[in-house]
Amino acid sequence: GAGFVKLFIPNAILPFDLVCKCYERTKAFHSLPTSTKQIYHYSKNPLERGWTPHGEEAAYEAGKSTSVSAFDLGREMPMGGSNGDLNMGPNIWPSEEHCPQFREQVYLFYACMS
């Protein structure tokens, strides 16, 4: 679909089924009403993880704005990680009610890519 990059990765490295499930879950999340996605806004997480609405994602070039909606996450761990690093901590996840299997499928994809 629009906005996605086509990847050519051997199935042995990243199972195609996993890619499809992750895409399906992210598409389902981004299809939710804005009022529901707002519950998971990145500003509600001290590590700025979660949903970023269109135009709020940081651009990598000064004076430029982005035109994407995103869901940012990182390695899942308790706040402060194992060594008190304040840049480490939990993600914010949609509830199973709002987006079933989002956490499971998206984090599995993240883990495989990390």
PDB file of N, CA and C in Angstrom:
ATOM      1  N   GLY A   1       0.826  -1.189   0.000  1.00  0.00           N
ATOM      2  CA  GLY A   1       0.000   0.000   0.000  1.00  0.00           C
ATOM      3  C   GLY A   1       0.860   1.237   0.000  1.00  0.00           C
ATOM      4  N   ALA A   2       0.233   2.378  -0.144  1.00  0.00           N
ATOM      5  CA  ALA A   2       0.932   3.657  -0.156  1.00  0.00           C
ATOM      6  C   ALA A   2       1.664   3.871   1.150  1.00  0.00           C
ATOM      7  N   GLY A   3       2.881   4.350   1.070  1.00  0.00           N
ATOM      8  CA  GLY A   3       3.649   4.656   2.253  1.00  0.00           C
ATOM      9  C   GLY A   3       4.467   3.501   2.791  1.00  0.00           C
ATOM     10  N   PHE A   4       4.411   2.360   2.158  1.00  0.00           N
ATOM     11  CA  PHE A   4       5.177   1.216   2.632  1.00  0.00           C
ATOM     12  C   PHE A   4       6.249   0.859   1.613  1.00  0.00           C
ATOM     13  N   VAL A   5       7.368   0.397   2.111  1.00  0.00           N
ATOM     14  CA  VAL A   5       8.489   0.003   1.274  1.00  0.00           C
ATOM     15  C   VAL A   5       8.418  -1.494   1.041  1.00  0.00           C
ATOM     16  N   LYS A   6       8.645  -1.910  -0.164  1.00  0.00           N
ATOM     17  CA  LYS A   6       8.673  -3.341  -0.469  1.00  0.00           C
ATOM     18  C   LYS A   6      10.046  -3.879  -0.084  1.00  0.00           C
ATOM     19  N   LEU A   7      10.059  -4.890   0.768  1.00  0.00           N
ATOM     20  CA  LEU A   7      11.309  -5.485   1.226  1.00  0.00           C
ATOM     21  C   LEU A   7      11.513  -6.851   0.586  1.00  0.00           C
ATOM     22  N   PHE A   8      12.738  -7.137   0.233  1.00  0.00           N
ATOM     23  CA  PHE A   8      13.087  -8.454  -0.280  1.00  0.00           C
ATOM     24  C   PHE A   8      14.035  -9.094   0.729  1.00  0.00           C
ATOM     25  N   ILE A   9      13.458  -9.848   1.649  1.00  0.00           N
ATOM     26  CA  ILE A   9      14.205 -10.483   2.727  1.00  0.00           C
ATOM     27  C   ILE A   9      13.951 -11.979   2.646  1.00  0.00           C
ATOM     28  N   PRO A  10      15.006 -12.789   2.688  1.00  0.00           N
ATOM     29  CA  PRO A  10      14.793 -14.245   2.644  1.00  0.00           C
ATOM     30  C   PRO A  10      13.865 -14.706   3.763  1.00  0.00           C
ATOM     31  N   ASN A  11      12.929 -15.596   3.431  1.00  0.00           N
ATOM     32  CA  ASN A  11      11.951 -16.109   4.381  1.00  0.00           C
ATOM     33  C   ASN A  11      12.616 -16.736   5.601  1.00  0.00           C
ATOM     34  N   ALA A  12      13.827 -17.265   5.450  1.00  0.00           N
ATOM     35  CA  ALA A  12      14.542 -17.879   6.573  1.00  0.00           C
ATOM     36  C   ALA A  12      14.960 -16.833   7.606  1.00  0.00           C
ATOM     37  N   ILE A  13      15.157 -15.605   7.184  1.00  0.00           N
ATOM     38  CA  ILE A  13      15.562 -14.527   8.088  1.00  0.00           C
ATOM     39  C   ILE A  13      14.334 -13.898   8.744  1.00  0.00           C
ATOM     40  N   LEU A  14      13.335 -13.592   7.968  1.00  0.00           N
ATOM     41  CA  LEU A  14      12.122 -12.958   8.453  1.00  0.00           C
ATOM     42  C   LEU A  14      10.934 -13.626   7.770  1.00  0.00           C
ATOM     43  N   PRO A  15      10.226 -14.478   8.491  1.00  0.00           N
ATOM     44  CA  PRO A  15       9.111 -15.203   7.880  1.00  0.00           C
ATOM     45  C   PRO A  15       8.090 -14.253   7.253  1.00  0.00           C
ATOM     46  N   PHE A  16       7.730 -14.537   6.019  1.00  0.00           N
ATOM     47  CA  PHE A  16       6.776 -13.707   5.290  1.00  0.00           C
ATOM     48  C   PHE A  16       5.456 -13.593   6.043  1.00  0.00           C
ATOM     49  N   ASP A  17       5.040 -14.655   6.689  1.00  0.00           N
ATOM     50  CA  ASP A  17       3.805 -14.656   7.465  1.00  0.00           C
ATOM     51  C   ASP A  17       3.866 -13.616   8.585  1.00  0.00           C
ATOM     52  N   LEU A  18       5.020 -13.477   9.207  1.00  0.00           N
ATOM     53  CA  LEU A  18       5.195 -12.487  10.268  1.00  0.00           C
ATOM     54  C   LEU A  18       5.054 -11.071   9.717  1.00  0.00           C
ATOM     55  N   VAL A  19       5.647 -10.816   8.568  1.00  0.00           N
ATOM     56  CA  VAL A  19       5.544  -9.502   7.923  1.00  0.00           C
ATOM     57  C   VAL A  19       4.077  -9.194   7.636  1.00  0.00           C
ATOM     58  N   CYS A  20       3.348 -10.172   7.104  1.00  0.00           N
ATOM     59  CA  CYS A  20       1.928  -9.980   6.774  1.00  0.00           C
ATOM     60  C   CYS A  20       1.100  -9.689   8.015  1.00  0.00           C
ATOM     61  N   LYS A  21       1.352 -10.421   9.090  1.00  0.00           N
ATOM     62  CA  LYS A  21       0.598 -10.213  10.335  1.00  0.00           C
ATOM     63  C   LYS A  21       0.899  -8.837  10.934  1.00  0.00           C
ATOM     64  N   CYS A  22       2.157  -8.425  10.892  1.00  0.00           N
ATOM     65  CA  CYS A  22       2.528  -7.114  11.404  1.00  0.00           C
ATOM     66  C   CYS A  22       1.855  -6.013  10.576  1.00  0.00           C
ATOM     67  N   TYR A  23       1.902  -6.147   9.268  1.00  0.00           N
ATOM     68  CA  TYR A  23       1.263  -5.177   8.378  1.00  0.00           C
ATOM     69  C   TYR A  23      -0.238  -5.116   8.658  1.00  0.00           C
ATOM     70  N   GLU A  24      -0.866  -6.269   8.832  1.00  0.00           N
ATOM     71  CA  GLU A  24      -2.305  -6.339   9.099  1.00  0.00           C
ATOM     72  C   GLU A  24      -2.657  -5.629  10.405  1.00  0.00           C
ATOM     73  N   ARG A  25      -1.858  -5.872  11.441  1.00  0.00           N
ATOM     74  CA  ARG A  25      -2.124  -5.268  12.756  1.00  0.00           C
ATOM     75  C   ARG A  25      -1.874  -3.759  12.740  1.00  0.00           C
ATOM     76  N   THR A  26      -0.813  -3.299  12.057  1.00  0.00           N
ATOM     77  CA  THR A  26      -0.559  -1.861  11.997  1.00  0.00           C
ATOM     78  C   THR A  26      -1.620  -1.161  11.154  1.00  0.00           C
ATOM     79  N   LYS A  27      -2.057  -1.805  10.111  1.00  0.00           N
ATOM     80  CA  LYS A  27      -3.132  -1.235   9.296  1.00  0.00           C
ATOM     81  C   LYS A  27      -4.412  -1.127  10.126  1.00  0.00           C
ATOM     82  N   ALA A  28      -4.707  -2.149  10.922  1.00  0.00           N
ATOM     83  CA  ALA A  28      -5.891  -2.121  11.787  1.00  0.00           C
ATOM     84  C   ALA A  28      -5.783  -0.985  12.807  1.00  0.00           C
ATOM     85  N   PHE A  29      -4.602  -0.818  13.398  1.00  0.00           N
ATOM     86  CA  PHE A  29      -4.435   0.260  14.369  1.00  0.00           C
ATOM     87  C   PHE A  29      -4.647   1.620  13.717  1.00  0.00           C
ATOM     88  N   HIS A  30      -3.989   1.856  12.605  1.00  0.00           N
ATOM     89  CA  HIS A  30      -4.085   3.164  11.954  1.00  0.00           C
ATOM     90  C   HIS A  30      -5.468   3.430  11.366  1.00  0.00           C
ATOM     91  N   SER A  31      -6.293   2.395  11.268  1.00  0.00           N
ATOM     92  CA  SER A  31      -7.674   2.553  10.796  1.00  0.00           C
ATOM     93  C   SER A  31      -8.638   2.903  11.930  1.00  0.00           C
ATOM     94  N   LEU A  32      -8.167   2.843  13.171  1.00  0.00           N
ATOM     95  CA  LEU A  32      -9.020   3.191  14.316  1.00  0.00           C
ATOM     96  C   LEU A  32      -9.388   4.674  14.266  1.00  0.00           C
ATOM     97  N   PRO A  33     -10.497   5.045  14.902  1.00  0.00           N
ATOM     98  CA  PRO A  33     -10.841   6.476  14.974  1.00  0.00           C
ATOM     99  C   PRO A  33      -9.733   7.251  15.703  1.00  0.00           C
ATOM    100  N   THR A  34      -9.531   8.489  15.311  1.00  0.00           N
ATOM    101  CA  THR A  34      -8.499   9.320  15.928  1.00  0.00           C
ATOM    102  C   THR A  34      -8.681   9.395  17.436  1.00  0.00           C
ATOM    103  N   SER A  35      -9.915   9.461  17.904  1.00  0.00           N
ATOM    104  CA  SER A  35     -10.155   9.545  19.350  1.00  0.00           C
ATOM    105  C   SER A  35      -9.636   8.308  20.077  1.00  0.00           C
ATOM    106  N   THR A  36      -9.678   7.159  19.438  1.00  0.00           N
ATOM    107  CA  THR A  36      -9.151   5.930  20.046  1.00  0.00           C
ATOM    108  C   THR A  36      -7.634   5.931  19.992  1.00  0.00           C
ATOM    109  N   LYS A  37      -7.071   6.292  18.848  1.00  0.00           N
ATOM    110  CA  LYS A  37      -5.606   6.330  18.731  1.00  0.00           C
ATOM    111  C   LYS A  37      -5.005   7.342  19.703  1.00  0.00           C
ATOM    112  N   GLN A  38      -5.743   8.405  19.992  1.00  0.00           N
ATOM    113  CA  GLN A  38      -5.262   9.456  20.892  1.00  0.00           C
ATOM    114  C   GLN A  38      -4.942   8.898  22.281  1.00  0.00           C
ATOM    115  N   ILE A  39      -5.610   7.829  22.684  1.00  0.00           N
ATOM    116  CA  ILE A  39      -5.340   7.172  23.969  1.00  0.00           C
ATOM    117  C   ILE A  39      -3.878   6.719  24.040  1.00  0.00           C
ATOM    118  N   TYR A  40      -3.307   6.390  22.888  1.00  0.00           N
ATOM    119  CA  TYR A  40      -1.956   5.834  22.811  1.00  0.00           C
ATOM    120  C   TYR A  40      -0.932   6.849  22.282  1.00  0.00           C
ATOM    121  N   HIS A  41      -1.278   8.141  22.363  1.00  0.00           N
ATOM    122  CA  HIS A  41      -0.400   9.211  21.886  1.00  0.00           C
ATOM    123  C   HIS A  41       0.949   9.152  22.605  1.00  0.00           C
ATOM    124  N   TYR A  42       2.006   9.375  21.855  1.00  0.00           N
ATOM    125  CA  TYR A  42       3.364   9.269  22.396  1.00  0.00           C
ATOM    126  C   TYR A  42       3.616  10.197  23.578  1.00  0.00           C
ATOM    127  N   SER A  43       2.886  11.292  23.679  1.00  0.00           N
ATOM    128  CA  SER A  43       3.106  12.241  24.774  1.00  0.00           C
ATOM    129  C   SER A  43       2.686  11.656  26.129  1.00  0.00           C
ATOM    130  N   LYS A  44       1.968  10.541  26.103  1.00  0.00           N
ATOM    131  CA  LYS A  44       1.525   9.900  27.347  1.00  0.00           C
ATOM    132  C   LYS A  44       2.546   8.893  27.863  1.00  0.00           C
ATOM    133  N   ASN A  45       3.671   8.773  27.175  1.00  0.00           N
ATOM    134  CA  ASN A  45       4.733   7.855  27.567  1.00  0.00           C
ATOM    135  C   ASN A  45       5.998   8.683  27.772  1.00  0.00           C
ATOM    136  N   PRO A  46       6.661   8.567  28.926  1.00  0.00           N
ATOM    137  CA  PRO A  46       7.862   9.393  29.168  1.00  0.00           C
ATOM    138  C   PRO A  46       8.982   9.155  28.159  1.00  0.00           C
ATOM    139  N   LEU A  47       8.944   8.038  27.462  1.00  0.00           N
ATOM    140  CA  LEU A  47       9.965   7.739  26.454  1.00  0.00           C
ATOM    141  C   LEU A  47       9.507   8.116  25.043  1.00  0.00           C
ATOM    142  N   GLU A  48       8.352   8.768  24.968  1.00  0.00           N
ATOM    143  CA  GLU A  48       7.757   9.193  23.698  1.00  0.00           C
ATOM    144  C   GLU A  48       7.532   8.024  22.743  1.00  0.00           C
ATOM    145  N   ARG A  49       7.047   6.929  23.300  1.00  0.00           N
ATOM    146  CA  ARG A  49       6.682   5.768  22.493  1.00  0.00           C
ATOM    147  C   ARG A  49       5.171   5.729  22.380  1.00  0.00           C
ATOM    148  N   GLY A  50       4.693   5.245  21.250  1.00  0.00           N
ATOM    149  CA  GLY A  50       3.265   5.164  21.013  1.00  0.00           C
ATOM    150  C   GLY A  50       2.910   5.791  19.681  1.00  0.00           C
ATOM    151  N   TRP A  51       1.661   6.188  19.545  1.00  0.00           N
ATOM    152  CA  TRP A  51       1.147   6.727  18.280  1.00  0.00           C
ATOM    153  C   TRP A  51       1.575   8.172  18.090  1.00  0.00           C
ATOM    154  N   THR A  52       2.060   8.457  16.901  1.00  0.00           N
ATOM    155  CA  THR A  52       2.404   9.814  16.500  1.00  0.00           C
ATOM    156  C   THR A  52       1.506  10.181  15.322  1.00  0.00           C
ATOM    157  N   PRO A  53       0.643  11.189  15.493  1.00  0.00           N
ATOM    158  CA  PRO A  53      -0.246  11.581  14.397  1.00  0.00           C
ATOM    159  C   PRO A  53       0.503  12.176  13.204  1.00  0.00           C
ATOM    160  N   HIS A  54      -0.179  12.185  12.089  1.00  0.00           N
ATOM    161  CA  HIS A  54       0.315  12.783  10.848  1.00  0.00           C
ATOM    162  C   HIS A  54       0.880  14.178  11.145  1.00  0.00           C
ATOM    163  N   GLY A  55       2.115  14.410  10.733  1.00  0.00           N
ATOM    164  CA  GLY A  55       2.736  15.723  10.866  1.00  0.00           C
ATOM    165  C   GLY A  55       3.468  15.961  12.172  1.00  0.00           C
ATOM    166  N   GLU A  56       3.365  15.038  13.149  1.00  0.00           N
ATOM    167  CA  GLU A  56       4.046  15.229  14.431  1.00  0.00           C
ATOM    168  C   GLU A  56       5.352  14.440  14.538  1.00  0.00           C
ATOM    169  N   GLU A  57       5.599  13.517  13.646  1.00  0.00           N
ATOM    170  CA  GLU A  57       6.843  12.732  13.683  1.00  0.00           C
ATOM    171  C   GLU A  57       8.006  13.657  13.352  1.00  0.00           C
ATOM    172  N   ALA A  58       9.054  13.551  14.144  1.00  0.00           N
ATOM    173  CA  ALA A  58      10.224  14.410  13.936  1.00  0.00           C
ATOM    174  C   ALA A  58      10.842  14.160  12.562  1.00  0.00           C
ATOM    175  N   ALA A  59      11.190  15.229  11.888  1.00  0.00           N
ATOM    176  CA  ALA A  59      11.862  15.119  10.595  1.00  0.00           C
ATOM    177  C   ALA A  59      13.369  15.062  10.840  1.00  0.00           C
ATOM    178  N   TYR A  60      14.073  14.472   9.927  1.00  0.00           N
ATOM    179  CA  TYR A  60      15.518  14.343  10.068  1.00  0.00           C
ATOM    180  C   TYR A  60      16.274  15.504   9.439  1.00  0.00           C
ATOM    181  N   GLU A  61      15.536  16.481   8.956  1.00  0.00           N
ATOM    182  CA  GLU A  61      16.158  17.627   8.312  1.00  0.00           C
ATOM    183  C   GLU A  61      15.535  18.890   8.878  1.00  0.00           C
ATOM    184  N   ALA A  62      16.350  19.830   9.304  1.00  0.00           N
ATOM    185  CA  ALA A  62      15.864  21.076   9.894  1.00  0.00           C
ATOM    186  C   ALA A  62      14.914  21.797   8.947  1.00  0.00           C
ATOM    187  N   GLY A  63      13.840  22.319   9.481  1.00  0.00           N
ATOM    188  CA  GLY A  63      12.882  23.077   8.684  1.00  0.00           C
ATOM    189  C   GLY A  63      11.926  22.227   7.880  1.00  0.00           C
ATOM    190  N   LYS A  64      12.003  20.931   8.031  1.00  0.00           N
ATOM    191  CA  LYS A  64      11.134  20.013   7.286  1.00  0.00           C
ATOM    192  C   LYS A  64      10.131  19.379   8.237  1.00  0.00           C
ATOM    193  N   SER A  65       8.962  19.083   7.727  1.00  0.00           N
ATOM    194  CA  SER A  65       7.971  18.352   8.515  1.00  0.00           C
ATOM    195  C   SER A  65       7.703  17.021   7.819  1.00  0.00           C
ATOM    196  N   THR A  66       7.222  16.082   8.595  1.00  0.00           N
ATOM    197  CA  THR A  66       6.939  14.763   8.033  1.00  0.00           C
ATOM    198  C   THR A  66       5.471  14.668   7.636  1.00  0.00           C
ATOM    199  N   SER A  67       5.170  13.682   6.844  1.00  0.00           N
ATOM    200  CA  SER A  67       3.778  13.462   6.438  1.00  0.00           C
ATOM    201  C   SER A  67       3.388  12.013   6.715  1.00  0.00           C
ATOM    202  N   VAL A  68       3.819  11.515   7.884  1.00  0.00           N
ATOM    203  CA  VAL A  68       3.508  10.136   8.248  1.00  0.00           C
ATOM    204  C   VAL A  68       2.800  10.094   9.596  1.00  0.00           C
ATOM    205  N   SER A  69       2.054   9.055   9.780  1.00  0.00           N
ATOM    206  CA  SER A  69       1.526   8.690  11.079  1.00  0.00           C
ATOM    207  C   SER A  69       2.330   7.460  11.471  1.00  0.00           C
ATOM    208  N   ALA A  70       2.760   7.381  12.719  1.00  0.00           N
ATOM    209  CA  ALA A  70       3.658   6.299  13.110  1.00  0.00           C
ATOM    210  C   ALA A  70       3.271   5.733  14.468  1.00  0.00           C
ATOM    211  N   PHE A  71       3.843   4.584  14.766  1.00  0.00           N
ATOM    212  CA  PHE A  71       3.735   4.003  16.096  1.00  0.00           C
ATOM    213  C   PHE A  71       5.149   3.640  16.508  1.00  0.00           C
ATOM    214  N   ASP A  72       5.702   4.414  17.444  1.00  0.00           N
ATOM    215  CA  ASP A  72       7.083   4.231  17.862  1.00  0.00           C
ATOM    216  C   ASP A  72       7.164   3.299  19.064  1.00  0.00           C
ATOM    217  N   LEU A  73       8.166   2.437  19.055  1.00  0.00           N
ATOM    218  CA  LEU A  73       8.388   1.530  20.168  1.00  0.00           C
ATOM    219  C   LEU A  73       9.867   1.242  20.306  1.00  0.00           C
ATOM    220  N   GLY A  74      10.208   0.607  21.397  1.00  0.00           N
ATOM    221  CA  GLY A  74      11.579   0.216  21.652  1.00  0.00           C
ATOM    222  C   GLY A  74      11.592  -1.117  22.370  1.00  0.00           C
ATOM    223  N   ARG A  75      12.756  -1.517  22.788  1.00  0.00           N
ATOM    224  CA  ARG A  75      12.886  -2.777  23.504  1.00  0.00           C
ATOM    225  C   ARG A  75      12.048  -2.719  24.781  1.00  0.00           C
ATOM    226  N   GLU A  76      11.244  -3.730  24.999  1.00  0.00           N
ATOM    227  CA  GLU A  76      10.340  -3.774  26.150  1.00  0.00           C
ATOM    228  C   GLU A  76      11.114  -4.147  27.406  1.00  0.00           C
ATOM    229  N   MET A  77      11.044  -3.270  28.433  1.00  0.00           N
ATOM    230  CA  MET A  77      11.702  -3.519  29.713  1.00  0.00           C
ATOM    231  C   MET A  77      11.125  -2.570  30.747  1.00  0.00           C
ATOM    232  N   PRO A  78      11.394  -2.829  32.027  1.00  0.00           N
ATOM    233  CA  PRO A  78      10.911  -1.920  33.070  1.00  0.00           C
ATOM    234  C   PRO A  78      11.572  -0.541  32.936  1.00  0.00           C
ATOM    235  N   MET A  79      10.933   0.476  33.483  1.00  0.00           N
ATOM    236  CA  MET A  79      11.500   1.820  33.436  1.00  0.00           C
ATOM    237  C   MET A  79      12.898   1.814  34.028  1.00  0.00           C
ATOM    238  N   GLY A  80      13.850   2.384  33.298  1.00  0.00           N
ATOM    239  CA  GLY A  80      15.236   2.429  33.744  1.00  0.00           C
ATOM    240  C   GLY A  80      16.051   1.229  33.313  1.00  0.00           C
ATOM    241  N   GLY A  81      15.399   0.265  32.680  1.00  0.00           N
ATOM    242  CA  GLY A  81      16.105  -0.920  32.222  1.00  0.00           C
ATOM    243  C   GLY A  81      16.779  -1.647  33.360  1.00  0.00           C
ATOM    244  N   SER A  82      17.861  -2.305  33.073  1.00  0.00           N
ATOM    245  CA  SER A  82      18.571  -3.065  34.106  1.00  0.00           C
ATOM    246  C   SER A  82      19.649  -2.241  34.800  1.00  0.00           C
ATOM    247  N   ASN A  83      19.924  -1.042  34.261  1.00  0.00           N
ATOM    248  CA  ASN A  83      21.019  -0.245  34.844  1.00  0.00           C
ATOM    249  C   ASN A  83      20.605   1.184  35.200  1.00  0.00           C
ATOM    250  N   GLY A  84      19.303   1.452  35.272  1.00  0.00           N
ATOM    251  CA  GLY A  84      18.836   2.787  35.642  1.00  0.00           C
ATOM    252  C   GLY A  84      18.848   3.805  34.522  1.00  0.00           C
ATOM    253  N   ASP A  85      19.067   3.373  33.282  1.00  0.00           N
ATOM    254  CA  ASP A  85      19.084   4.270  32.123  1.00  0.00           C
ATOM    255  C   ASP A  85      17.672   4.793  31.878  1.00  0.00           C
ATOM    256  N   LEU A  86      17.469   6.097  32.020  1.00  0.00           N
ATOM    257  CA  LEU A  86      16.134   6.678  31.876  1.00  0.00           C
ATOM    258  C   LEU A  86      15.629   6.704  30.441  1.00  0.00           C
ATOM    259  N   ASN A  87      16.448   6.277  29.490  1.00  0.00           N
ATOM    260  CA  ASN A  87      16.005   6.151  28.100  1.00  0.00           C
ATOM    261  C   ASN A  87      15.456   4.760  27.815  1.00  0.00           C
ATOM    262  N   MET A  88      15.444   3.919  28.822  1.00  0.00           N
ATOM    263  CA  MET A  88      14.940   2.551  28.680  1.00  0.00           C
ATOM    264  C   MET A  88      13.650   2.420  29.470  1.00  0.00           C
ATOM    265  N   GLY A  89      12.730   1.629  28.955  1.00  0.00           N
ATOM    266  CA  GLY A  89      11.494   1.427  29.694  1.00  0.00           C
ATOM    267  C   GLY A  89      10.403   0.810  28.846  1.00  0.00           C
ATOM    268  N   PRO A  90       9.200   0.811  29.381  1.00  0.00           N
ATOM    269  CA  PRO A  90       8.092   0.132  28.715  1.00  0.00           C
ATOM    270  C   PRO A  90       7.531   0.916  27.523  1.00  0.00           C
ATOM    271  N   ASN A  91       6.917   0.177  26.634  1.00  0.00           N
ATOM    272  CA  ASN A  91       6.188   0.769  25.520  1.00  0.00           C
ATOM    273  C   ASN A  91       4.757   1.035  25.964  1.00  0.00           C
ATOM    274  N   ILE A  92       4.039   1.783  25.162  1.00  0.00           N
ATOM    275  CA  ILE A  92       2.604   1.952  25.347  1.00  0.00           C
ATOM    276  C   ILE A  92       1.950   1.127  24.241  1.00  0.00           C
ATOM    277  N   TRP A  93       0.978   0.301  24.593  1.00  0.00           N
ATOM    278  CA  TRP A  93       0.380  -0.617  23.624  1.00  0.00           C
ATOM    279  C   TRP A  93      -1.133  -0.452  23.567  1.00  0.00           C
ATOM    280  N   PRO A  94      -1.721  -0.580  22.381  1.00  0.00           N
ATOM    281  CA  PRO A  94      -3.183  -0.587  22.282  1.00  0.00           C
ATOM    282  C   PRO A  94      -3.753  -1.790  23.039  1.00  0.00           C
ATOM    283  N   SER A  95      -4.892  -1.617  23.634  1.00  0.00           N
ATOM    284  CA  SER A  95      -5.542  -2.728  24.332  1.00  0.00           C
ATOM    285  C   SER A  95      -5.981  -3.784  23.321  1.00  0.00           C
ATOM    286  N   GLU A  96      -6.169  -4.996  23.813  1.00  0.00           N
ATOM    287  CA  GLU A  96      -6.673  -6.076  22.952  1.00  0.00           C
ATOM    288  C   GLU A  96      -8.057  -5.725  22.416  1.00  0.00           C
ATOM    289  N   GLU A  97      -8.808  -4.977  23.187  1.00  0.00           N
ATOM    290  CA  GLU A  97     -10.146  -4.551  22.751  1.00  0.00           C
ATOM    291  C   GLU A  97     -10.062  -3.642  21.526  1.00  0.00           C
ATOM    292  N   HIS A  98      -9.104  -2.734  21.540  1.00  0.00           N
ATOM    293  CA  HIS A  98      -8.974  -1.791  20.425  1.00  0.00           C
ATOM    294  C   HIS A  98      -8.277  -2.391  19.212  1.00  0.00           C
ATOM    295  N   CYS A  99      -7.278  -3.208  19.459  1.00  0.00           N
ATOM    296  CA  CYS A  99      -6.525  -3.770  18.331  1.00  0.00           C
ATOM    297  C   CYS A  99      -5.940  -5.121  18.743  1.00  0.00           C
ATOM    298  N   PRO A 100      -6.741  -6.176  18.621  1.00  0.00           N
ATOM    299  CA  PRO A 100      -6.284  -7.510  19.029  1.00  0.00           C
ATOM    300  C   PRO A 100      -4.966  -7.914  18.365  1.00  0.00           C
ATOM    301  N   GLN A 101      -4.091  -8.487  19.156  1.00  0.00           N
ATOM    302  CA  GLN A 101      -2.802  -9.038  18.737  1.00  0.00           C
ATOM    303  C   GLN A 101      -1.807  -8.000  18.215  1.00  0.00           C
ATOM    304  N   PHE A 102      -2.106  -6.719  18.389  1.00  0.00           N
ATOM    305  CA  PHE A 102      -1.166  -5.690  17.940  1.00  0.00           C
ATOM    306  C   PHE A 102       0.171  -5.851  18.657  1.00  0.00           C
ATOM    307  N   ARG A 103       0.119  -5.867  19.987  1.00  0.00           N
ATOM    308  CA  ARG A 103       1.355  -5.971  20.762  1.00  0.00           C
ATOM    309  C   ARG A 103       2.135  -7.228  20.387  1.00  0.00           C
ATOM    310  N   GLU A 104       1.463  -8.355  20.355  1.00  0.00           N
ATOM    311  CA  GLU A 104       2.115  -9.632  20.061  1.00  0.00           C
ATOM    312  C   GLU A 104       2.799  -9.625  18.699  1.00  0.00           C
ATOM    313  N   GLN A 105       2.068  -9.249  17.660  1.00  0.00           N
ATOM    314  CA  GLN A 105       2.599  -9.324  16.297  1.00  0.00           C
ATOM    315  C   GLN A 105       3.632  -8.237  15.999  1.00  0.00           C
ATOM    316  N   VAL A 106       3.366  -7.019  16.442  1.00  0.00           N
ATOM    317  CA  VAL A 106       4.285  -5.912  16.147  1.00  0.00           C
ATOM    318  C   VAL A 106       5.590  -6.077  16.926  1.00  0.00           C
ATOM    319  N   TYR A 107       5.499  -6.486  18.201  1.00  0.00           N
ATOM    320  CA  TYR A 107       6.724  -6.662  18.971  1.00  0.00           C
ATOM    321  C   TYR A 107       7.543  -7.841  18.476  1.00  0.00           C
ATOM    322  N   LEU A 108       6.877  -8.890  18.025  1.00  0.00           N
ATOM    323  CA  LEU A 108       7.599 -10.034  17.460  1.00  0.00           C
ATOM    324  C   LEU A 108       8.374  -9.589  16.208  1.00  0.00           C
ATOM    325  N   PHE A 109       7.732  -8.797  15.364  1.00  0.00           N
ATOM    326  CA  PHE A 109       8.399  -8.259  14.175  1.00  0.00           C
ATOM    327  C   PHE A 109       9.594  -7.386  14.606  1.00  0.00           C
ATOM    328  N   TYR A 110       9.370  -6.503  15.584  1.00  0.00           N
ATOM    329  CA  TYR A 110      10.439  -5.633  16.089  1.00  0.00           C
ATOM    330  C   TYR A 110      11.618  -6.475  16.601  1.00  0.00           C
ATOM    331  N   ALA A 111      11.306  -7.501  17.374  1.00  0.00           N
ATOM    332  CA  ALA A 111      12.357  -8.370  17.934  1.00  0.00           C
ATOM    333  C   ALA A 111      13.156  -9.058  16.830  1.00  0.00           C
ATOM    334  N   CYS A 112      12.483  -9.481  15.783  1.00  0.00           N
ATOM    335  CA  CYS A 112      13.177 -10.146  14.667  1.00  0.00           C
ATOM    336  C   CYS A 112      14.080  -9.159  13.901  1.00  0.00           C
ATOM    337  N   MET A 113      13.686  -7.920  13.866  1.00  0.00           N
ATOM    338  CA  MET A 113      14.447  -6.905  13.125  1.00  0.00           C
ATOM    339  C   MET A 113      15.545  -6.266  13.964  1.00  0.00           C
ATOM    340  N   SER A 114      15.521  -6.483  15.273  1.00  0.00           N
ATOM    341  CA  SER A 114      16.514  -5.844  16.160  1.00  0.00           C
ATOM    342  C   SER A 114      17.754  -6.684  16.314  1.00  0.00           C
TER     343      SER A 114
END
